[in-house]
């Protein structure tokens, strides 16, 4: 029983270390494969400005909120990747990084809701 418990603890810790980080923020600029964004920016506040390189296999997708899990999930892929017109300064995004937190592996772009007149 102890061995089983020890194995469960080790597997849980290993999986936790492999998963990268997720940051919400707004894009400041995209220059080639380098993305500058404000990390953790909330309405009316300034977040920390960060520049990170995108991995060669970066996925650029529409972000969609799942009300059942209360998490943001990846939607359909955007053509052109980082060159897509939705990936521009001011776009609200969720950035997913690799396990080392050094490269961007996925960019989830959110559409801004249009204001009712």
N, C-alpha and C. Protein backbone atom coordinates (compact mmCIF):
# COMPACT_ATOMS: atom_id res chain seq x y z
N UNK A 1 0.82 -1.19 0.00
CA UNK A 1 0.00 0.00 0.00
C UNK A 1 0.87 1.27 0.00
N UNK A 2 1.96 1.24 0.73
CA UNK A 2 2.85 2.41 0.76
C UNK A 2 3.45 2.68 -0.61
N UNK A 3 3.82 1.62 -1.29
CA UNK A 3 4.41 1.79 -2.63
C UNK A 3 3.40 2.41 -3.58
N UNK A 4 2.16 1.95 -3.50
CA UNK A 4 1.12 2.51 -4.36
C UNK A 4 0.91 4.00 -4.05
N UNK A 5 0.85 4.34 -2.80
CA UNK A 5 0.68 5.74 -2.39
C UNK A 5 1.86 6.59 -2.86
N UNK A 6 3.07 6.08 -2.70
CA UNK A 6 4.26 6.80 -3.14
C UNK A 6 4.24 6.99 -4.65
N UNK A 7 3.79 5.97 -5.38
CA UNK A 7 3.74 6.07 -6.84
C UNK A 7 2.71 7.12 -7.27
N UNK A 8 1.56 7.15 -6.61
CA UNK A 8 0.53 8.14 -6.94
C UNK A 8 1.05 9.55 -6.70
N UNK A 9 1.74 9.77 -5.61
CA UNK A 9 2.30 11.08 -5.30
C UNK A 9 3.32 11.49 -6.36
N UNK A 10 4.18 10.58 -6.76
CA UNK A 10 5.22 10.90 -7.76
C UNK A 10 4.60 11.22 -9.13
N UNK A 11 3.59 10.45 -9.53
CA UNK A 11 2.94 10.71 -10.82
C UNK A 11 2.24 12.07 -10.78
N UNK A 12 1.58 12.38 -9.70
CA UNK A 12 0.89 13.67 -9.57
C UNK A 12 1.88 14.83 -9.65
N UNK A 13 3.00 14.72 -8.97
CA UNK A 13 4.02 15.78 -9.02
C UNK A 13 4.62 15.89 -10.41
N UNK A 14 4.86 14.79 -11.07
CA UNK A 14 5.44 14.80 -12.42
C UNK A 14 4.53 15.48 -13.41
N UNK A 15 3.25 15.17 -13.37
CA UNK A 15 2.30 15.79 -14.29
C UNK A 15 2.20 17.28 -14.02
N UNK A 16 2.24 17.70 -12.78
CA UNK A 16 2.17 19.12 -12.43
C UNK A 16 3.36 19.90 -12.96
N UNK A 17 4.51 19.28 -13.05
CA UNK A 17 5.70 19.97 -13.53
C UNK A 17 5.74 20.09 -15.05
N UNK A 18 5.07 19.19 -15.76
CA UNK A 18 5.11 19.19 -17.22
C UNK A 18 4.22 20.26 -17.82
N UNK A 19 3.15 20.62 -17.15
CA UNK A 19 2.20 21.58 -17.66
C UNK A 19 2.80 22.98 -17.61
N UNK A 20 2.61 23.74 -18.69
CA UNK A 20 3.12 25.10 -18.73
C UNK A 20 2.17 26.07 -18.04
N UNK A 21 2.53 27.33 -18.06
CA UNK A 21 1.72 28.36 -17.42
C UNK A 21 0.75 28.98 -18.41
N UNK A 22 -0.31 29.58 -17.88
CA UNK A 22 -1.29 30.30 -18.69
C UNK A 22 -1.38 31.72 -18.16
N UNK A 23 -1.31 32.68 -19.06
CA UNK A 23 -1.39 34.09 -18.68
C UNK A 23 -2.48 34.77 -19.48
N UNK A 24 -3.28 35.58 -18.81
CA UNK A 24 -4.25 36.42 -19.50
C UNK A 24 -3.63 37.80 -19.64
N UNK A 25 -3.94 38.44 -20.74
CA UNK A 25 -3.41 39.78 -20.93
C UNK A 25 -3.81 40.35 -22.27
N UNK A 26 -3.12 41.40 -22.65
CA UNK A 26 -3.38 42.08 -23.92
C UNK A 26 -2.08 42.17 -24.70
N UNK A 27 -2.17 41.96 -26.00
CA UNK A 27 -1.00 42.03 -26.86
C UNK A 27 -0.59 43.48 -27.06
N UNK A 28 0.71 43.73 -26.92
CA UNK A 28 1.27 45.06 -27.21
C UNK A 28 1.79 45.10 -28.64
N UNK A 29 2.54 44.02 -29.03
CA UNK A 29 3.05 43.95 -30.40
C UNK A 29 3.49 42.53 -30.74
N UNK A 30 3.56 42.25 -32.04
CA UNK A 30 4.07 40.98 -32.54
C UNK A 30 5.14 41.33 -33.56
N UNK A 31 6.36 40.86 -33.32
CA UNK A 31 7.49 41.13 -34.21
C UNK A 31 8.11 39.79 -34.60
N UNK A 32 7.73 39.27 -35.78
CA UNK A 32 8.21 37.95 -36.19
C UNK A 32 7.64 36.89 -35.28
N UNK A 33 8.52 36.21 -34.55
CA UNK A 33 8.04 35.19 -33.61
C UNK A 33 8.09 35.68 -32.16
N UNK A 34 8.36 36.95 -31.94
CA UNK A 34 8.39 37.51 -30.58
C UNK A 34 7.08 38.25 -30.31
N UNK A 35 6.46 37.90 -29.19
CA UNK A 35 5.19 38.50 -28.81
C UNK A 35 5.40 39.28 -27.52
N UNK A 36 5.02 40.54 -27.54
CA UNK A 36 5.07 41.37 -26.33
C UNK A 36 3.63 41.55 -25.85
N UNK A 37 3.39 41.23 -24.58
CA UNK A 37 2.05 41.34 -24.03
C UNK A 37 2.12 41.79 -22.59
N UNK A 38 1.00 42.34 -22.10
CA UNK A 38 0.91 42.72 -20.70
C UNK A 38 0.31 41.54 -19.96
N UNK A 39 1.06 41.01 -19.04
CA UNK A 39 0.67 39.82 -18.29
C UNK A 39 -0.18 40.22 -17.10
N UNK A 40 -1.35 39.62 -17.00
CA UNK A 40 -2.21 39.85 -15.84
C UNK A 40 -2.86 41.21 -15.79
N UNK A 41 -3.01 41.86 -16.93
CA UNK A 41 -3.63 43.19 -16.94
C UNK A 41 -5.12 43.07 -16.69
N UNK A 42 -5.60 43.83 -15.72
CA UNK A 42 -7.03 43.87 -15.44
C UNK A 42 -7.55 45.24 -15.84
N UNK A 43 -8.84 45.33 -16.00
CA UNK A 43 -9.44 46.58 -16.44
C UNK A 43 -9.06 47.72 -15.50
N UNK A 44 -8.50 48.78 -16.04
CA UNK A 44 -8.12 49.93 -15.25
C UNK A 44 -6.75 49.83 -14.61
N UNK A 45 -6.07 48.69 -14.77
CA UNK A 45 -4.75 48.51 -14.18
C UNK A 45 -3.74 48.17 -15.27
N UNK A 46 -2.48 48.40 -14.96
CA UNK A 46 -1.42 48.03 -15.89
C UNK A 46 -0.78 46.74 -15.40
N UNK A 47 -0.58 45.81 -16.32
CA UNK A 47 0.08 44.55 -15.98
C UNK A 47 1.56 44.63 -16.29
N UNK A 48 2.25 43.56 -16.02
CA UNK A 48 3.68 43.47 -16.30
C UNK A 48 3.88 43.20 -17.79
N UNK A 49 4.72 44.01 -18.43
CA UNK A 49 4.99 43.82 -19.86
C UNK A 49 6.05 42.76 -20.04
N UNK A 50 5.75 41.74 -20.87
CA UNK A 50 6.63 40.60 -21.08
C UNK A 50 6.79 40.36 -22.58
N UNK A 51 8.01 40.03 -23.00
CA UNK A 51 8.27 39.62 -24.38
C UNK A 51 8.78 38.19 -24.36
N UNK A 52 8.12 37.32 -25.12
CA UNK A 52 8.50 35.91 -25.17
C UNK A 52 8.52 35.46 -26.63
N UNK A 53 9.43 34.53 -26.95
CA UNK A 53 9.41 33.96 -28.30
C UNK A 53 8.32 32.90 -28.43
N UNK A 54 7.78 32.78 -29.62
CA UNK A 54 6.79 31.74 -29.88
C UNK A 54 7.52 30.50 -30.39
N UNK A 55 7.06 29.34 -29.98
CA UNK A 55 7.64 28.09 -30.46
C UNK A 55 7.35 27.97 -31.96
N UNK A 56 8.17 27.18 -32.65
CA UNK A 56 7.97 26.99 -34.09
C UNK A 56 6.60 26.39 -34.39
N UNK A 57 6.07 25.62 -33.47
CA UNK A 57 4.78 24.96 -33.67
C UNK A 57 3.65 25.66 -32.91
N UNK A 58 3.75 26.97 -32.72
CA UNK A 58 2.76 27.71 -31.94
C UNK A 58 1.37 27.57 -32.59
N UNK A 59 0.36 27.39 -31.74
CA UNK A 59 -1.03 27.31 -32.21
C UNK A 59 -1.69 28.64 -31.89
N UNK A 60 -2.38 29.19 -32.86
CA UNK A 60 -3.13 30.43 -32.66
C UNK A 60 -4.60 30.07 -32.91
N UNK A 61 -5.41 30.20 -31.87
CA UNK A 61 -6.81 29.77 -31.94
C UNK A 61 -7.73 30.81 -31.33
N UNK A 62 -9.02 30.67 -31.62
CA UNK A 62 -10.02 31.49 -30.94
C UNK A 62 -10.21 30.92 -29.55
N UNK A 63 -10.30 31.77 -28.56
CA UNK A 63 -10.55 31.32 -27.20
C UNK A 63 -12.04 31.29 -26.95
N UNK A 64 -12.50 30.25 -26.26
CA UNK A 64 -13.92 30.19 -25.91
C UNK A 64 -14.06 29.74 -24.46
N UNK A 65 -15.00 30.36 -23.77
CA UNK A 65 -15.22 30.06 -22.36
C UNK A 65 -16.21 28.92 -22.25
N UNK A 66 -15.85 27.89 -21.47
CA UNK A 66 -16.73 26.76 -21.23
C UNK A 66 -17.42 27.00 -19.88
N UNK A 67 -18.74 27.28 -19.88
CA UNK A 67 -19.42 27.57 -18.62
C UNK A 67 -19.50 26.38 -17.67
N UNK A 68 -19.43 25.17 -18.21
CA UNK A 68 -19.50 23.98 -17.35
C UNK A 68 -18.22 23.81 -16.52
N UNK A 69 -17.07 23.95 -17.16
CA UNK A 69 -15.80 23.79 -16.45
C UNK A 69 -15.26 25.11 -15.92
N UNK A 70 -15.86 26.22 -16.37
CA UNK A 70 -15.42 27.57 -16.00
C UNK A 70 -13.97 27.82 -16.38
N UNK A 71 -13.57 27.27 -17.55
CA UNK A 71 -12.22 27.45 -18.05
C UNK A 71 -12.26 27.91 -19.50
N UNK A 72 -11.18 28.55 -19.91
CA UNK A 72 -11.05 28.98 -21.30
C UNK A 72 -10.42 27.84 -22.08
N UNK A 73 -11.07 27.46 -23.18
CA UNK A 73 -10.58 26.36 -24.00
C UNK A 73 -10.23 26.87 -25.39
N UNK A 74 -9.45 26.06 -26.10
CA UNK A 74 -9.07 26.40 -27.46
C UNK A 74 -10.23 26.11 -28.40
N UNK A 75 -10.51 27.07 -29.27
CA UNK A 75 -11.55 26.91 -30.28
C UNK A 75 -10.90 26.59 -31.61
N UNK A 76 -11.49 27.11 -32.69
CA UNK A 76 -10.97 26.83 -34.03
C UNK A 76 -9.68 27.59 -34.29
N UNK A 77 -8.83 26.99 -35.11
CA UNK A 77 -7.53 27.59 -35.44
C UNK A 77 -7.73 28.82 -36.33
N UNK A 78 -6.86 29.81 -36.15
CA UNK A 78 -6.89 31.01 -36.98
C UNK A 78 -5.84 30.89 -38.07
N UNK A 79 -6.25 31.12 -39.30
CA UNK A 79 -5.32 31.02 -40.44
C UNK A 79 -4.22 32.06 -40.33
N UNK A 80 -3.01 31.67 -40.69
CA UNK A 80 -1.89 32.60 -40.70
C UNK A 80 -1.15 32.68 -39.37
N UNK A 81 -1.65 32.03 -38.35
CA UNK A 81 -0.97 32.02 -37.06
C UNK A 81 -0.82 33.42 -36.48
N UNK A 82 0.41 33.77 -36.13
CA UNK A 82 0.67 35.08 -35.51
C UNK A 82 0.45 36.24 -36.48
N UNK A 83 0.35 35.95 -37.78
CA UNK A 83 0.13 37.00 -38.78
C UNK A 83 -1.35 37.28 -39.00
N UNK A 84 -2.23 36.54 -38.35
CA UNK A 84 -3.66 36.74 -38.49
C UNK A 84 -4.03 38.13 -37.98
N UNK A 85 -5.03 38.76 -38.61
CA UNK A 85 -5.42 40.12 -38.22
C UNK A 85 -6.00 40.20 -36.81
N UNK A 86 -6.45 39.09 -36.25
CA UNK A 86 -6.99 39.10 -34.88
C UNK A 86 -5.87 39.24 -33.84
N UNK A 87 -4.64 38.88 -34.22
CA UNK A 87 -3.49 38.95 -33.31
C UNK A 87 -2.82 40.31 -33.54
N UNK A 88 -3.37 41.33 -32.89
CA UNK A 88 -2.87 42.69 -33.08
C UNK A 88 -2.79 43.40 -31.74
N UNK A 89 -2.20 44.55 -31.74
CA UNK A 89 -2.08 45.32 -30.50
C UNK A 89 -3.46 45.59 -29.92
N UNK A 90 -3.60 45.34 -28.63
CA UNK A 90 -4.85 45.55 -27.94
C UNK A 90 -5.73 44.31 -27.85
N UNK A 91 -5.39 43.26 -28.59
CA UNK A 91 -6.20 42.03 -28.56
C UNK A 91 -6.07 41.36 -27.19
N UNK A 92 -7.19 40.95 -26.62
CA UNK A 92 -7.19 40.26 -25.34
C UNK A 92 -6.92 38.78 -25.61
N UNK A 93 -5.92 38.22 -24.94
CA UNK A 93 -5.48 36.86 -25.22
C UNK A 93 -5.21 36.06 -23.95
N UNK A 94 -5.12 34.78 -24.12
CA UNK A 94 -4.58 33.89 -23.10
C UNK A 94 -3.35 33.26 -23.74
N UNK A 95 -2.21 33.41 -23.10
CA UNK A 95 -0.94 32.87 -23.59
C UNK A 95 -0.63 31.60 -22.80
N UNK A 96 -0.35 30.52 -23.52
CA UNK A 96 0.03 29.26 -22.89
C UNK A 96 1.50 29.02 -23.22
N UNK A 97 2.30 28.74 -22.19
CA UNK A 97 3.74 28.53 -22.39
C UNK A 97 4.11 27.07 -22.18
N UNK A 98 5.35 26.75 -22.57
CA UNK A 98 5.85 25.39 -22.36
C UNK A 98 6.20 25.19 -20.89
N UNK A 99 6.66 23.99 -20.57
CA UNK A 99 6.96 23.64 -19.18
C UNK A 99 8.05 24.53 -18.57
N UNK A 100 8.97 25.02 -19.41
CA UNK A 100 10.05 25.88 -18.92
C UNK A 100 9.61 27.34 -18.76
N UNK A 101 8.42 27.68 -19.26
CA UNK A 101 7.91 29.04 -19.23
C UNK A 101 8.82 29.98 -20.03
N UNK A 102 9.39 29.46 -21.12
CA UNK A 102 10.30 30.26 -21.95
C UNK A 102 9.76 30.51 -23.35
N UNK A 103 8.88 29.64 -23.85
CA UNK A 103 8.34 29.78 -25.21
C UNK A 103 6.82 29.71 -25.17
N UNK A 104 6.20 30.46 -26.07
CA UNK A 104 4.75 30.44 -26.19
C UNK A 104 4.37 29.25 -27.08
N UNK A 105 3.48 28.40 -26.59
CA UNK A 105 3.04 27.24 -27.36
C UNK A 105 1.64 27.43 -27.94
N UNK A 106 0.84 28.33 -27.32
CA UNK A 106 -0.51 28.56 -27.82
C UNK A 106 -0.96 29.97 -27.47
N UNK A 107 -1.68 30.59 -28.40
CA UNK A 107 -2.27 31.91 -28.19
C UNK A 107 -3.77 31.76 -28.43
N UNK A 108 -4.56 32.03 -27.40
CA UNK A 108 -6.02 31.99 -27.53
C UNK A 108 -6.52 33.42 -27.58
N UNK A 109 -7.09 33.81 -28.71
CA UNK A 109 -7.53 35.18 -28.94
C UNK A 109 -9.03 35.28 -28.65
N UNK A 110 -9.41 36.31 -27.89
CA UNK A 110 -10.82 36.52 -27.56
C UNK A 110 -11.38 37.65 -28.41
N UNK A 111 -12.61 37.47 -28.85
CA UNK A 111 -13.28 38.55 -29.57
C UNK A 111 -13.89 39.49 -28.56
N UNK A 112 -13.72 40.75 -28.81
CA UNK A 112 -14.34 41.74 -27.91
C UNK A 112 -15.82 41.83 -28.26
N UNK A 113 -16.63 41.89 -27.23
CA UNK A 113 -18.07 42.02 -27.45
C UNK A 113 -18.36 43.42 -27.95
N UNK A 114 -19.21 43.48 -28.95
CA UNK A 114 -19.57 44.77 -29.51
C UNK A 114 -20.56 45.46 -28.58
N UNK A 115 -20.33 46.74 -28.38
CA UNK A 115 -21.20 47.51 -27.50
C UNK A 115 -22.52 47.78 -28.19
N UNK A 116 -23.61 47.64 -27.43
CA UNK A 116 -24.93 47.93 -27.96
C UNK A 116 -25.14 49.44 -27.95
N UNK A 117 -25.72 49.91 -29.02
CA UNK A 117 -25.94 51.35 -29.11
C UNK A 117 -27.29 51.74 -28.61
